[in-house]
Amino acid sequence: MSGNVVYEVNLDVEAAIIEDYRAWLDAHVGDVCRLPGFIDADLYEVIDPASEPGRVALCVQYRMRDAAAFQSYLAEHAPRMREEGEKRFGGRYAARRRVLVHLAREDCDR
């Protein structure tokens, strides 16, 4: 893999805890962004497909320098950082992850 890597985390959160979860998530994303190899992060609320009633869908996309930085994150930091969310909110949210490698960009300004 060459080029920037996007590490995407899709979250399905109980609506009843969304304020507390968002406060924790905002701090968590900041902590992750301070790790070596991370460039930036974007946080989205997913509106389509719509969440199940009583749920909120979020997506965090972290942009990383390269695949080596991602592998270092997995080996050195991911288990501890994932455990923090589980300890605090375990069973009240679900996370799915995927990794994307940047191939091309097209600017759409007209």
PDB file of N, CA and C in Angstrom:
ATOM      1  N   MET A   1       0.847  -1.183   0.000  1.00  0.00           N
ATOM      2  CA  MET A   1       0.000   0.000   0.000  1.00  0.00           C
ATOM      3  C   MET A   1       0.886   1.237   0.000  1.00  0.00           C
ATOM      4  N   SER A   2       0.564   2.162  -0.869  1.00  0.00           N
ATOM      5  CA  SER A   2       1.264   3.439  -0.845  1.00  0.00           C
ATOM      6  C   SER A   2       0.228   4.544  -0.756  1.00  0.00           C
ATOM      7  N   GLY A   3       0.667   5.729  -0.419  1.00  0.00           N
ATOM      8  CA  GLY A   3      -0.259   6.843  -0.303  1.00  0.00           C
ATOM      9  C   GLY A   3      -0.925   6.885   1.052  1.00  0.00           C
ATOM     10  N   ASN A   4      -1.702   7.942   1.245  1.00  0.00           N
ATOM     11  CA  ASN A   4      -2.407   8.111   2.512  1.00  0.00           C
ATOM     12  C   ASN A   4      -3.391   6.972   2.736  1.00  0.00           C
ATOM     13  N   VAL A   5      -3.583   6.653   3.996  1.00  0.00           N
ATOM     14  CA  VAL A   5      -4.535   5.634   4.409  1.00  0.00           C
ATOM     15  C   VAL A   5      -5.657   6.325   5.167  1.00  0.00           C
ATOM     16  N   VAL A   6      -6.893   5.937   4.881  1.00  0.00           N
ATOM     17  CA  VAL A   6      -8.036   6.404   5.651  1.00  0.00           C
ATOM     18  C   VAL A   6      -8.497   5.239   6.507  1.00  0.00           C
ATOM     19  N   TYR A   7      -8.499   5.462   7.797  1.00  0.00           N
ATOM     20  CA  TYR A   7      -8.977   4.482   8.766  1.00  0.00           C
ATOM     21  C   TYR A   7     -10.361   4.958   9.180  1.00  0.00           C
ATOM     22  N   GLU A   8     -11.369   4.194   8.813  1.00  0.00           N
ATOM     23  CA  GLU A   8     -12.756   4.580   9.037  1.00  0.00           C
ATOM     24  C   GLU A   8     -13.376   3.724  10.122  1.00  0.00           C
ATOM     25  N   VAL A   9     -14.026   4.389  11.080  1.00  0.00           N
ATOM     26  CA  VAL A   9     -14.712   3.700  12.164  1.00  0.00           C
ATOM     27  C   VAL A   9     -16.173   4.110  12.115  1.00  0.00           C
ATOM     28  N   ASN A  10     -17.056   3.137  11.860  1.00  0.00           N
ATOM     29  CA  ASN A  10     -18.493   3.376  11.813  1.00  0.00           C
ATOM     30  C   ASN A  10     -19.101   2.926  13.127  1.00  0.00           C
ATOM     31  N   LEU A  11     -19.844   3.835  13.748  1.00  0.00           N
ATOM     32  CA  LEU A  11     -20.367   3.620  15.101  1.00  0.00           C
ATOM     33  C   LEU A  11     -21.884   3.633  15.089  1.00  0.00           C
ATOM     34  N   ASP A  12     -22.480   2.700  15.817  1.00  0.00           N
ATOM     35  CA  ASP A  12     -23.923   2.618  16.013  1.00  0.00           C
ATOM     36  C   ASP A  12     -24.151   2.753  17.516  1.00  0.00           C
ATOM     37  N   VAL A  13     -24.731   3.880  17.941  1.00  0.00           N
ATOM     38  CA  VAL A  13     -24.780   4.246  19.349  1.00  0.00           C
ATOM     39  C   VAL A  13     -26.229   4.387  19.807  1.00  0.00           C
ATOM     40  N   GLU A  14     -26.512   3.923  21.027  1.00  0.00           N
ATOM     41  CA  GLU A  14     -27.835   4.152  21.609  1.00  0.00           C
ATOM     42  C   GLU A  14     -28.078   5.654  21.730  1.00  0.00           C
ATOM     43  N   ALA A  15     -29.228   6.114  21.261  1.00  0.00           N
ATOM     44  CA  ALA A  15     -29.553   7.541  21.319  1.00  0.00           C
ATOM     45  C   ALA A  15     -29.576   8.045  22.765  1.00  0.00           C
ATOM     46  N   ALA A  16     -29.936   7.195  23.715  1.00  0.00           N
ATOM     47  CA  ALA A  16     -30.033   7.599  25.116  1.00  0.00           C
ATOM     48  C   ALA A  16     -28.690   8.043  25.695  1.00  0.00           C
ATOM     49  N   ILE A  17     -27.577   7.612  25.110  1.00  0.00           N
ATOM     50  CA  ILE A  17     -26.255   7.970  25.652  1.00  0.00           C
ATOM     51  C   ILE A  17     -25.470   8.884  24.718  1.00  0.00           C
ATOM     52  N   ILE A  18     -26.109   9.383  23.663  1.00  0.00           N
ATOM     53  CA  ILE A  18     -25.343  10.068  22.618  1.00  0.00           C
ATOM     54  C   ILE A  18     -24.587  11.293  23.136  1.00  0.00           C
ATOM     55  N   GLU A  19     -25.139  12.060  24.066  1.00  0.00           N
ATOM     56  CA  GLU A  19     -24.412  13.231  24.570  1.00  0.00           C
ATOM     57  C   GLU A  19     -23.132  12.823  25.286  1.00  0.00           C
ATOM     58  N   ASP A  20     -23.228  11.853  26.183  1.00  0.00           N
ATOM     59  CA  ASP A  20     -22.031  11.378  26.885  1.00  0.00           C
ATOM     60  C   ASP A  20     -21.054  10.728  25.915  1.00  0.00           C
ATOM     61  N   TYR A  21     -21.575   9.962  24.971  1.00  0.00           N
ATOM     62  CA  TYR A  21     -20.719   9.279  24.011  1.00  0.00           C
ATOM     63  C   TYR A  21     -19.976  10.298  23.147  1.00  0.00           C
ATOM     64  N   ARG A  22     -20.694  11.317  22.673  1.00  0.00           N
ATOM     65  CA  ARG A  22     -20.053  12.352  21.840  1.00  0.00           C
ATOM     66  C   ARG A  22     -18.977  13.093  22.607  1.00  0.00           C
ATOM     67  N   ALA A  23     -19.216  13.408  23.873  1.00  0.00           N
ATOM     68  CA  ALA A  23     -18.197  14.086  24.673  1.00  0.00           C
ATOM     69  C   ALA A  23     -16.953  13.216  24.781  1.00  0.00           C
ATOM     70  N   TRP A  24     -17.153  11.919  25.045  1.00  0.00           N
ATOM     71  CA  TRP A  24     -16.018  10.998  25.121  1.00  0.00           C
ATOM     72  C   TRP A  24     -15.354  10.870  23.750  1.00  0.00           C
ATOM     73  N   LEU A  25     -16.161  10.728  22.690  1.00  0.00           N
ATOM     74  CA  LEU A  25     -15.622  10.522  21.345  1.00  0.00           C
ATOM     75  C   LEU A  25     -14.791  11.719  20.895  1.00  0.00           C
ATOM     76  N   ASP A  26     -15.258  12.927  21.170  1.00  0.00           N
ATOM     77  CA  ASP A  26     -14.493  14.108  20.773  1.00  0.00           C
ATOM     78  C   ASP A  26     -13.098  14.091  21.397  1.00  0.00           C
ATOM     79  N   ALA A  27     -13.020  13.757  22.680  1.00  0.00           N
ATOM     80  CA  ALA A  27     -11.718  13.666  23.351  1.00  0.00           C
ATOM     81  C   ALA A  27     -10.899  12.508  22.791  1.00  0.00           C
ATOM     82  N   HIS A  28     -11.543  11.387  22.538  1.00  0.00           N
ATOM     83  CA  HIS A  28     -10.870  10.202  21.999  1.00  0.00           C
ATOM     84  C   HIS A  28     -10.253  10.503  20.628  1.00  0.00           C
ATOM     85  N   VAL A  29     -11.015  11.144  19.755  1.00  0.00           N
ATOM     86  CA  VAL A  29     -10.502  11.488  18.424  1.00  0.00           C
ATOM     87  C   VAL A  29      -9.286  12.401  18.561  1.00  0.00           C
ATOM     88  N   GLY A  30      -9.342  13.355  19.479  1.00  0.00           N
ATOM     89  CA  GLY A  30      -8.180  14.216  19.719  1.00  0.00           C
ATOM     90  C   GLY A  30      -6.968  13.435  20.172  1.00  0.00           C
ATOM     91  N   ASP A  31      -7.181  12.461  21.075  1.00  0.00           N
ATOM     92  CA  ASP A  31      -6.077  11.615  21.539  1.00  0.00           C
ATOM     93  C   ASP A  31      -5.483  10.809  20.393  1.00  0.00           C
ATOM     94  N   VAL A  32      -6.335  10.247  19.563  1.00  0.00           N
ATOM     95  CA  VAL A  32      -5.851   9.459  18.423  1.00  0.00           C
ATOM     96  C   VAL A  32      -5.053  10.347  17.474  1.00  0.00           C
ATOM     97  N   CYS A  33      -5.545  11.550  17.214  1.00  0.00           N
ATOM     98  CA  CYS A  33      -4.868  12.443  16.268  1.00  0.00           C
ATOM     99  C   CYS A  33      -3.484  12.882  16.742  1.00  0.00           C
ATOM    100  N   ARG A  34      -3.229  12.784  18.017  1.00  0.00           N
ATOM    101  CA  ARG A  34      -1.907  13.140  18.528  1.00  0.00           C
ATOM    102  C   ARG A  34      -0.892  11.998  18.394  1.00  0.00           C
ATOM    103  N   LEU A  35      -1.341  10.835  17.970  1.00  0.00           N
ATOM    104  CA  LEU A  35      -0.429   9.702  17.796  1.00  0.00           C
ATOM    105  C   LEU A  35       0.391   9.877  16.526  1.00  0.00           C
ATOM    106  N   PRO A  36       1.588   9.290  16.483  1.00  0.00           N
ATOM    107  CA  PRO A  36       2.442   9.401  15.297  1.00  0.00           C
ATOM    108  C   PRO A  36       1.747   8.839  14.059  1.00  0.00           C
ATOM    109  N   GLY A  37       1.877   9.556  12.952  1.00  0.00           N
ATOM    110  CA  GLY A  37       1.362   9.079  11.668  1.00  0.00           C
ATOM    111  C   GLY A  37      -0.030   9.551  11.325  1.00  0.00           C
ATOM    112  N   PHE A  38      -0.771  10.096  12.297  1.00  0.00           N
ATOM    113  CA  PHE A  38      -2.111  10.600  12.006  1.00  0.00           C
ATOM    114  C   PHE A  38      -2.021  12.029  11.494  1.00  0.00           C
ATOM    115  N   ILE A  39      -2.773  12.338  10.452  1.00  0.00           N
ATOM    116  CA  ILE A  39      -2.752  13.662   9.837  1.00  0.00           C
ATOM    117  C   ILE A  39      -3.939  14.494  10.309  1.00  0.00           C
ATOM    118  N   ASP A  40      -5.144  13.928  10.219  1.00  0.00           N
ATOM    119  CA  ASP A  40      -6.345  14.630  10.653  1.00  0.00           C
ATOM    120  C   ASP A  40      -7.492  13.636  10.766  1.00  0.00           C
ATOM    121  N   ALA A  41      -8.648  14.146  11.189  1.00  0.00           N
ATOM    122  CA  ALA A  41      -9.829  13.289  11.327  1.00  0.00           C
ATOM    123  C   ALA A  41     -11.075  14.115  11.053  1.00  0.00           C
ATOM    124  N   ASP A  42     -12.073  13.456  10.489  1.00  0.00           N
ATOM    125  CA  ASP A  42     -13.388  14.048  10.265  1.00  0.00           C
ATOM    126  C   ASP A  42     -14.415  13.192  10.967  1.00  0.00           C
ATOM    127  N   LEU A  43     -15.391  13.838  11.597  1.00  0.00           N
ATOM    128  CA  LEU A  43     -16.486  13.143  12.263  1.00  0.00           C
ATOM    129  C   LEU A  43     -17.778  13.491  11.538  1.00  0.00           C
ATOM    130  N   TYR A  44     -18.555  12.470  11.217  1.00  0.00           N
ATOM    131  CA  TYR A  44     -19.815  12.637  10.494  1.00  0.00           C
ATOM    132  C   TYR A  44     -20.951  11.963  11.252  1.00  0.00           C
ATOM    133  N   GLU A  45     -22.158  12.525  11.112  1.00  0.00           N
ATOM    134  CA  GLU A  45     -23.356  11.787  11.481  1.00  0.00           C
ATOM    135  C   GLU A  45     -23.871  11.162  10.194  1.00  0.00           C
ATOM    136  N   VAL A  46     -24.161   9.889  10.227  1.00  0.00           N
ATOM    137  CA  VAL A  46     -24.649   9.184   9.050  1.00  0.00           C
ATOM    138  C   VAL A  46     -26.156   9.408   8.959  1.00  0.00           C
ATOM    139  N   ILE A  47     -26.604   9.947   7.824  1.00  0.00           N
ATOM    140  CA  ILE A  47     -28.036  10.193   7.651  1.00  0.00           C
ATOM    141  C   ILE A  47     -28.683   9.227   6.655  1.00  0.00           C
ATOM    142  N   ASP A  48     -27.879   8.572   5.832  1.00  0.00           N
ATOM    143  CA  ASP A  48     -28.404   7.587   4.889  1.00  0.00           C
ATOM    144  C   ASP A  48     -27.359   6.496   4.721  1.00  0.00           C
ATOM    145  N   PRO A  49     -27.687   5.281   5.078  1.00  0.00           N
ATOM    146  CA  PRO A  49     -29.013   4.826   5.493  1.00  0.00           C
ATOM    147  C   PRO A  49     -29.376   5.333   6.891  1.00  0.00           C
ATOM    148  N   ALA A  50     -30.666   5.510   7.110  1.00  0.00           N
ATOM    149  CA  ALA A  50     -31.153   6.005   8.396  1.00  0.00           C
ATOM    150  C   ALA A  50     -30.889   4.979   9.491  1.00  0.00           C
ATOM    151  N   SER A  51     -30.631   5.499  10.689  1.00  0.00           N
ATOM    152  CA  SER A  51     -30.418   4.627  11.848  1.00  0.00           C
ATOM    153  C   SER A  51     -31.726   3.979  12.268  1.00  0.00           C
ATOM    154  N   GLU A  52     -31.599   2.878  12.964  1.00  0.00           N
ATOM    155  CA  GLU A  52     -32.773   2.256  13.580  1.00  0.00           C
ATOM    156  C   GLU A  52     -33.323   3.198  14.640  1.00  0.00           C
ATOM    157  N   PRO A  53     -34.622   3.107  14.943  1.00  0.00           N
ATOM    158  CA  PRO A  53     -35.173   3.950  16.009  1.00  0.00           C
ATOM    159  C   PRO A  53     -34.394   3.752  17.312  1.00  0.00           C
ATOM    160  N   GLY A  54     -34.097   4.874  17.979  1.00  0.00           N
ATOM    161  CA  GLY A  54     -33.359   4.814  19.237  1.00  0.00           C
ATOM    162  C   GLY A  54     -31.862   4.667  19.075  1.00  0.00           C
ATOM    163  N   ARG A  55     -31.367   4.817  17.850  1.00  0.00           N
ATOM    164  CA  ARG A  55     -29.930   4.686  17.571  1.00  0.00           C
ATOM    165  C   ARG A  55     -29.440   5.914  16.809  1.00  0.00           C
ATOM    166  N   VAL A  56     -28.149   6.177  16.916  1.00  0.00           N
ATOM    167  CA  VAL A  56     -27.497   7.238  16.151  1.00  0.00           C
ATOM    168  C   VAL A  56     -26.276   6.627  15.484  1.00  0.00           C
ATOM    169  N   ALA A  57     -26.100   6.897  14.196  1.00  0.00           N
ATOM    170  CA  ALA A  57     -24.947   6.385  13.459  1.00  0.00           C
ATOM    171  C   ALA A  57     -23.941   7.511  13.249  1.00  0.00           C
ATOM    172  N   LEU A  58     -22.691   7.236  13.583  1.00  0.00           N
ATOM    173  CA  LEU A  58     -21.598   8.174  13.400  1.00  0.00           C
ATOM    174  C   LEU A  58     -20.498   7.500  12.590  1.00  0.00           C
ATOM    175  N   CYS A  59     -19.683   8.306  11.945  1.00  0.00           N
ATOM    176  CA  CYS A  59     -18.539   7.796  11.196  1.00  0.00           C
ATOM    177  C   CYS A  59     -17.350   8.713  11.451  1.00  0.00           C
ATOM    178  N   VAL A  60     -16.224   8.128  11.846  1.00  0.00           N
ATOM    179  CA  VAL A  60     -14.980   8.875  12.002  1.00  0.00           C
ATOM    180  C   VAL A  60     -14.023   8.392  10.919  1.00  0.00           C
ATOM    181  N   GLN A  61     -13.472   9.334  10.177  1.00  0.00           N
ATOM    182  CA  GLN A  61     -12.458   9.004   9.186  1.00  0.00           C
ATOM    183  C   GLN A  61     -11.154   9.677   9.582  1.00  0.00           C
ATOM    184  N   TYR A  62     -10.180   8.846   9.917  1.00  0.00           N
ATOM    185  CA  TYR A  62      -8.848   9.325  10.257  1.00  0.00           C
ATOM    186  C   TYR A  62      -7.978   9.215   9.011  1.00  0.00           C
ATOM    187  N   ARG A  63      -7.265  10.266   8.683  1.00  0.00           N
ATOM    188  CA  ARG A  63      -6.320  10.205   7.573  1.00  0.00           C
ATOM    189  C   ARG A  63      -4.939  10.003   8.170  1.00  0.00           C
ATOM    190  N   MET A  64      -4.239   9.002   7.636  1.00  0.00           N
ATOM    191  CA  MET A  64      -2.921   8.635   8.146  1.00  0.00           C
ATOM    192  C   MET A  64      -1.875   8.767   7.050  1.00  0.00           C
ATOM    193  N   ARG A  65      -0.647   8.958   7.467  1.00  0.00           N
ATOM    194  CA  ARG A  65       0.464   9.176   6.546  1.00  0.00           C
ATOM    195  C   ARG A  65       0.621   8.025   5.552  1.00  0.00           C
ATOM    196  N   ASP A  66       0.595   6.784   6.055  1.00  0.00           N
ATOM    197  CA  ASP A  66       0.829   5.624   5.186  1.00  0.00           C
ATOM    198  C   ASP A  66       0.445   4.339   5.921  1.00  0.00           C
ATOM    199  N   ALA A  67       0.582   3.217   5.241  1.00  0.00           N
ATOM    200  CA  ALA A  67       0.212   1.922   5.810  1.00  0.00           C
ATOM    201  C   ALA A  67       1.092   1.551   7.005  1.00  0.00           C
ATOM    202  N   ALA A  68       2.353   1.963   6.982  1.00  0.00           N
ATOM    203  CA  ALA A  68       3.238   1.663   8.116  1.00  0.00           C
ATOM    204  C   ALA A  68       2.738   2.350   9.382  1.00  0.00           C
ATOM    205  N   ALA A  69       2.254   3.574   9.256  1.00  0.00           N
ATOM    206  CA  ALA A  69       1.703   4.286  10.412  1.00  0.00           C
ATOM    207  C   ALA A  69       0.465   3.565  10.934  1.00  0.00           C
ATOM    208  N   PHE A  70      -0.357   3.059  10.022  1.00  0.00           N
ATOM    209  CA  PHE A  70      -1.549   2.322  10.446  1.00  0.00           C
ATOM    210  C   PHE A  70      -1.157   1.039  11.178  1.00  0.00           C
ATOM    211  N   GLN A  71      -0.199   0.300  10.662  1.00  0.00           N
ATOM    212  CA  GLN A  71       0.248  -0.928  11.305  1.00  0.00           C
ATOM    213  C   GLN A  71       0.832  -0.642  12.689  1.00  0.00           C
ATOM    214  N   SER A  72       1.562   0.448  12.810  1.00  0.00           N
ATOM    215  CA  SER A  72       2.112   0.847  14.109  1.00  0.00           C
ATOM    216  C   SER A  72       0.986   1.158  15.092  1.00  0.00           C
ATOM    217  N   TYR A  73      -0.043   1.860  14.637  1.00  0.00           N
ATOM    218  CA  TYR A  73      -1.200   2.159  15.483  1.00  0.00           C
ATOM    219  C   TYR A  73      -1.845   0.866  15.963  1.00  0.00           C
ATOM    220  N   LEU A  74      -2.065  -0.081  15.053  1.00  0.00           N
ATOM    221  CA  LEU A  74      -2.698  -1.352  15.430  1.00  0.00           C
ATOM    222  C   LEU A  74      -1.879  -2.097  16.477  1.00  0.00           C
ATOM    223  N   ALA A  75      -0.577  -2.118  16.307  1.00  0.00           N
ATOM    224  CA  ALA A  75       0.287  -2.880  17.207  1.00  0.00           C
ATOM    225  C   ALA A  75       0.492  -2.200  18.557  1.00  0.00           C
ATOM    226  N   GLU A  76       0.602  -0.868  18.560  1.00  0.00           N
ATOM    227  CA  GLU A  76       1.028  -0.163  19.765  1.00  0.00           C
ATOM    228  C   GLU A  76      -0.083   0.546  20.530  1.00  0.00           C
ATOM    229  N   HIS A  77      -1.195   0.877  19.872  1.00  0.00           N
ATOM    230  CA  HIS A  77      -2.180   1.733  20.524  1.00  0.00           C
ATOM    231  C   HIS A  77      -3.622   1.241  20.457  1.00  0.00           C
ATOM    232  N   ALA A  78      -4.002   0.571  19.386  1.00  0.00           N
ATOM    233  CA  ALA A  78      -5.415   0.228  19.164  1.00  0.00           C
ATOM    234  C   ALA A  78      -6.052  -0.563  20.308  1.00  0.00           C
ATOM    235  N   PRO A  79      -5.423  -1.613  20.811  1.00  0.00           N
ATOM    236  CA  PRO A  79      -6.096  -2.384  21.871  1.00  0.00           C
ATOM    237  C   PRO A  79      -6.453  -1.540  23.093  1.00  0.00           C
ATOM    238  N   ARG A  80      -5.523  -0.721  23.543  1.00  0.00           N
ATOM    239  CA  ARG A  80      -5.767   0.128  24.714  1.00  0.00           C
ATOM    240  C   ARG A  80      -6.856   1.158  24.431  1.00  0.00           C
ATOM    241  N   MET A  81      -6.803   1.776  23.269  1.00  0.00           N
ATOM    242  CA  MET A  81      -7.764   2.832  22.960  1.00  0.00           C
ATOM    243  C   MET A  81      -9.169   2.267  22.752  1.00  0.00           C
ATOM    244  N   ARG A  82      -9.264   1.106  22.150  1.00  0.00           N
ATOM    245  CA  ARG A  82     -10.577   0.478  21.970  1.00  0.00           C
ATOM    246  C   ARG A  82     -11.165   0.049  23.308  1.00  0.00           C
ATOM    247  N   GLU A  83     -10.300  -0.416  24.204  1.00  0.00           N
ATOM    248  CA  GLU A  83     -10.753  -0.880  25.519  1.00  0.00           C
ATOM    249  C   GLU A  83     -11.373   0.261  26.335  1.00  0.00           C
ATOM    250  N   GLU A  84     -10.861   1.483  26.167  1.00  0.00           N
ATOM    251  CA  GLU A  84     -11.402   2.627  26.899  1.00  0.00           C
ATOM    252  C   GLU A  84     -12.892   2.814  26.612  1.00  0.00           C
ATOM    253  N   GLY A  85     -13.268   2.752  25.340  1.00  0.00           N
ATOM    254  CA  GLY A  85     -14.679   2.895  24.973  1.00  0.00           C
ATOM    255  C   GLY A  85     -15.515   1.735  25.471  1.00  0.00           C
ATOM    256  N   GLU A  86     -14.966   0.530  25.397  1.00  0.00           N
ATOM    257  CA  GLU A  86     -15.694  -0.651  25.871  1.00  0.00           C
ATOM    258  C   GLU A  86     -15.964  -0.576  27.368  1.00  0.00           C
ATOM    259  N   LYS A  87     -14.962  -0.145  28.125  1.00  0.00           N
ATOM    260  CA  LYS A  87     -15.139  -0.044  29.575  1.00  0.00           C
ATOM    261  C   LYS A  87     -16.227   0.958  29.929  1.00  0.00           C
ATOM    262  N   ARG A  88     -16.272   2.048  29.202  1.00  0.00           N
ATOM    263  CA  ARG A  88     -17.221   3.112  29.536  1.00  0.00           C
ATOM    264  C   ARG A  88     -18.617   2.883  28.965  1.00  0.00           C
ATOM    265  N   PHE A  89     -18.705   2.331  27.737  1.00  0.00           N
ATOM    266  CA  PHE A  89     -19.995   2.238  27.043  1.00  0.00           C
ATOM    267  C   PHE A  89     -20.310   0.836  26.533  1.00  0.00           C
ATOM    268  N   GLY A  90     -19.556  -0.158  26.941  1.00  0.00           N
ATOM    269  CA  GLY A  90     -19.703  -1.511  26.424  1.00  0.00           C
ATOM    270  C   GLY A  90     -21.148  -1.969  26.322  1.00  0.00           C
ATOM    271  N   GLY A  91     -21.501  -2.538  25.200  1.00  0.00           N
ATOM    272  CA  GLY A  91     -22.847  -3.046  24.983  1.00  0.00           C
ATOM    273  C   GLY A  91     -23.848  -1.995  24.549  1.00  0.00           C
ATOM    274  N   ARG A  92     -23.469  -0.730  24.582  1.00  0.00           N
ATOM    275  CA  ARG A  92     -24.400   0.344  24.222  1.00  0.00           C
ATOM    276  C   ARG A  92     -24.030   0.984  22.883  1.00  0.00           C
ATOM    277  N   TYR A  93     -22.996   0.451  22.262  1.00  0.00           N
ATOM    278  CA  TYR A  93     -22.605   0.904  20.932  1.00  0.00           C
ATOM    279  C   TYR A  93     -21.910  -0.259  20.225  1.00  0.00           C
ATOM    280  N   ALA A  94     -21.817  -0.143  18.924  1.00  0.00           N
ATOM    281  CA  ALA A  94     -21.079  -1.124  18.127  1.00  0.00           C
ATOM    282  C   ALA A  94     -20.176  -0.359  17.166  1.00  0.00           C
ATOM    283  N   ALA A  95     -19.017  -0.926  16.878  1.00  0.00           N
ATOM    284  CA  ALA A  95     -18.065  -0.296  15.965  1.00  0.00           C
ATOM    285  C   ALA A  95     -17.686  -1.273  14.860  1.00  0.00           C
ATOM    286  N   ARG A  96     -17.691  -0.769  13.642  1.00  0.00           N
ATOM    287  CA  ARG A  96     -17.176  -1.507  12.487  1.00  0.00           C
ATOM    288  C   ARG A  96     -16.080  -0.659  11.869  1.00  0.00           C
ATOM    289  N   ARG A  97     -15.025  -1.307  11.444  1.00  0.00           N
ATOM    290  CA  ARG A  97     -13.871  -0.577  10.937  1.00  0.00           C
ATOM    291  C   ARG A  97     -13.520  -1.044   9.529  1.00  0.00           C
ATOM    292  N   ARG A  98     -12.962  -0.109   8.769  1.00  0.00           N
ATOM    293  CA  ARG A  98     -12.394  -0.475   7.471  1.00  0.00           C
ATOM    294  C   ARG A  98     -11.240   0.463   7.161  1.00  0.00           C
ATOM    295  N   VAL A  99     -10.391   0.042   6.246  1.00  0.00           N
ATOM    296  CA  VAL A  99      -9.195   0.792   5.886  1.00  0.00           C
ATOM    297  C   VAL A  99      -9.215   1.027   4.382  1.00  0.00           C
ATOM    298  N   LEU A 100      -8.999   2.282   3.997  1.00  0.00           N
ATOM    299  CA  LEU A 100      -9.017   2.677   2.591  1.00  0.00           C
ATOM    300  C   LEU A 100      -7.656   3.259   2.223  1.00  0.00           C
ATOM    301  N   VAL A 101      -7.210   3.009   1.010  1.00  0.00           N
ATOM    302  CA  VAL A 101      -5.971   3.601   0.512  1.00  0.00           C
ATOM    303  C   VAL A 101      -6.335   4.586  -0.592  1.00  0.00           C
ATOM    304  N   HIS A 102      -5.828   5.800  -0.464  1.00  0.00           N
ATOM    305  CA  HIS A 102      -6.141   6.856  -1.423  1.00  0.00           C
ATOM    306  C   HIS A 102      -5.508   6.556  -2.778  1.00  0.00           C
ATOM    307  N   LEU A 103      -6.333   6.615  -3.827  1.00  0.00           N
ATOM    308  CA  LEU A 103      -5.845   6.384  -5.183  1.00  0.00           C
ATOM    309  C   LEU A 103      -5.823   7.654  -6.030  1.00  0.00           C
ATOM    310  N   ALA A 104      -6.880   8.463  -5.921  1.00  0.00           N
ATOM    311  CA  ALA A 104      -6.968   9.646  -6.780  1.00  0.00           C
ATOM    312  C   ALA A 104      -7.940  10.650  -6.169  1.00  0.00           C
ATOM    313  N   ARG A 105      -7.828  11.898  -6.623  1.00  0.00           N
ATOM    314  CA  ARG A 105      -8.737  12.958  -6.183  1.00  0.00           C
ATOM    315  C   ARG A 105      -9.152  13.753  -7.414  1.00  0.00           C
ATOM    316  N   GLU A 106     -10.414  14.114  -7.468  1.00  0.00           N
ATOM    317  CA  GLU A 106     -10.932  14.984  -8.523  1.00  0.00           C
ATOM    318  C   GLU A 106     -11.604  16.165  -7.848  1.00  0.00           C
ATOM    319  N   ASP A 107     -11.146  17.359  -8.134  1.00  0.00           N
ATOM    320  CA  ASP A 107     -11.787  18.556  -7.600  1.00  0.00           C
ATOM    321  C   ASP A 107     -13.029  18.852  -8.418  1.00  0.00           C
ATOM    322  N   CYS A 108     -14.113  19.159  -7.751  1.00  0.00           N
ATOM    323  CA  CYS A 108     -15.400  19.330  -8.421  1.00  0.00           C
ATOM    324  C   CYS A 108     -15.814  20.791  -8.543  1.00  0.00           C
ATOM    325  N   ASP A 109     -14.926  21.721  -8.269  1.00  0.00           N
ATOM    326  CA  ASP A 109     -15.251  23.155  -8.430  1.00  0.00           C
ATOM    327  C   ASP A 109     -15.540  23.445  -9.888  1.00  0.00           C
ATOM    328  N   ARG A 110     -16.548  24.233 -10.088  1.00  0.00           N
ATOM    329  CA  ARG A 110     -16.899  24.585 -11.481  1.00  0.00           C
ATOM    330  C   ARG A 110     -16.737  26.060 -11.692  1.00  0.00           C
TER     331      ARG A 110
END
